Amino acid sequence: MEVYKVYIHTEDDPHVSEMVVAASSKKEAESRALEHVKRSNPHKGYRTTEESKDLTKVLYAKKAGTNGCLVIHRVPLEVFKRVKGIA
């Protein structure tokens, strides 16, 4: 398995979703991302899960990270210390 970043968009949605997907191939990563549509919020919105899947397209997918590890964000240490209260 490798790590992929997959970008998807559902028609009429003002957002593009970025997903991190573990898969054996780019095609499998794209398929897994599409299968995830509405899974985390099945009752949100007016469309059924199937309607949302039908209206969702993969915009881009690429291998990401190395050795199964992917850096998502980098936060300045001082900001982290202040948020966590560890001066």
Protein backbone atom coordinates (compact mmCIF):
# COMPACT_ATOMS: atom_id res chain seq x y z
CA MET A 1 0.00 0.00 0.00
CA GLU A 2 1.02 3.54 -0.70
CA VAL A 3 -0.30 6.93 0.38
CA TYR A 4 -2.14 9.12 -2.15
CA LYS A 5 -3.66 12.58 -2.06
CA VAL A 6 -6.96 12.60 -3.92
CA TYR A 7 -8.90 15.77 -4.72
CA ILE A 8 -12.63 15.42 -5.37
CA HIS A 9 -15.47 17.79 -6.18
CA THR A 10 -19.22 17.31 -6.03
CA GLU A 11 -21.36 19.33 -8.44
CA ASP A 12 -22.70 22.57 -6.90
CA ASP A 13 -20.39 22.26 -3.89
CA PRO A 14 -18.21 25.37 -3.48
CA HIS A 15 -15.37 23.23 -2.06
CA VAL A 16 -12.78 20.78 -3.28
CA SER A 17 -12.07 18.01 -0.80
CA GLU A 18 -8.52 16.75 -0.28
CA MET A 19 -8.33 13.17 0.97
CA VAL A 20 -5.39 11.11 2.10
CA VAL A 21 -5.95 7.55 0.94
CA ALA A 22 -4.00 4.34 1.45
CA ALA A 23 -4.19 2.21 -1.69
CA SER A 24 -2.22 -0.14 -3.91
CA SER A 25 -2.65 2.02 -7.02
CA LYS A 26 -3.81 5.43 -8.19
CA LYS A 27 -6.99 3.88 -9.59
CA GLU A 28 -7.76 2.20 -6.26
CA ALA A 29 -7.10 5.49 -4.40
CA GLU A 30 -9.56 7.30 -6.66
CA SER A 31 -12.16 4.57 -6.14
CA ARG A 32 -11.73 4.66 -2.35
CA ALA A 33 -12.11 8.44 -2.31
CA LEU A 34 -15.35 8.23 -4.28
CA GLU A 35 -16.65 5.49 -1.97
CA HIS A 36 -16.06 7.84 0.97
CA VAL A 37 -18.46 10.48 -0.41
CA LYS A 38 -21.09 11.25 2.26
CA ARG A 39 -19.88 8.42 4.52
CA SER A 40 -18.89 10.80 7.32
CA ASN A 41 -22.10 12.87 6.95
CA PRO A 42 -24.72 10.60 5.37
CA HIS A 43 -27.68 12.78 6.39
CA LYS A 44 -26.13 16.16 5.57
CA GLY A 45 -27.66 17.91 2.60
CA TYR A 46 -30.64 17.01 0.46
CA ARG A 47 -29.01 14.41 -1.82
CA THR A 48 -28.87 10.70 -1.23
CA THR A 49 -25.46 9.05 -1.00
CA GLU A 50 -25.90 7.58 -4.48
CA GLU A 51 -26.85 10.95 -5.99
CA SER A 52 -23.79 12.56 -4.41
CA LYS A 53 -21.51 9.81 -5.69
CA ASP A 54 -22.93 10.19 -9.20
CA LEU A 55 -22.24 13.95 -9.11
CA THR A 56 -18.71 13.65 -7.70
CA LYS A 57 -15.58 13.61 -9.83
CA VAL A 58 -11.94 13.00 -9.03
CA LEU A 59 -10.07 16.13 -10.08
CA TYR A 60 -6.56 14.90 -9.34
CA ALA A 61 -4.74 12.09 -7.57
CA LYS A 62 -1.05 11.61 -6.87
CA LYS A 63 1.27 9.54 -4.75
CA ALA A 64 2.26 11.38 -1.62
CA GLY A 65 4.79 11.00 1.16
CA THR A 66 7.45 8.37 1.58
CA ASN A 67 7.47 5.11 3.49
CA GLY A 68 3.79 5.46 4.38
CA CYS A 69 4.26 8.83 6.04
CA LEU A 70 2.80 12.15 4.91
CA VAL A 71 3.34 15.59 6.42
CA ILE A 72 -0.02 17.37 6.54
CA HIS A 73 0.80 20.70 8.20
CA ARG A 74 3.76 22.54 9.63
CA VAL A 75 3.01 24.84 12.56
CA PRO A 76 5.56 27.26 14.04
CA LEU A 77 6.81 25.91 17.36
CA GLU A 78 5.92 29.13 19.21
CA VAL A 79 2.31 28.91 18.05
CA PHE A 80 2.09 25.29 19.14
CA LYS A 81 3.57 26.11 22.55
CA ARG A 82 1.06 28.90 23.11
CA VAL A 83 -1.92 26.82 22.03
CA LYS A 84 -0.86 23.84 24.12
CA GLY A 85 0.17 26.05 27.05
CA ILE A 86 3.69 24.63 27.24
CA ALA A 87 5.84 27.73 27.52
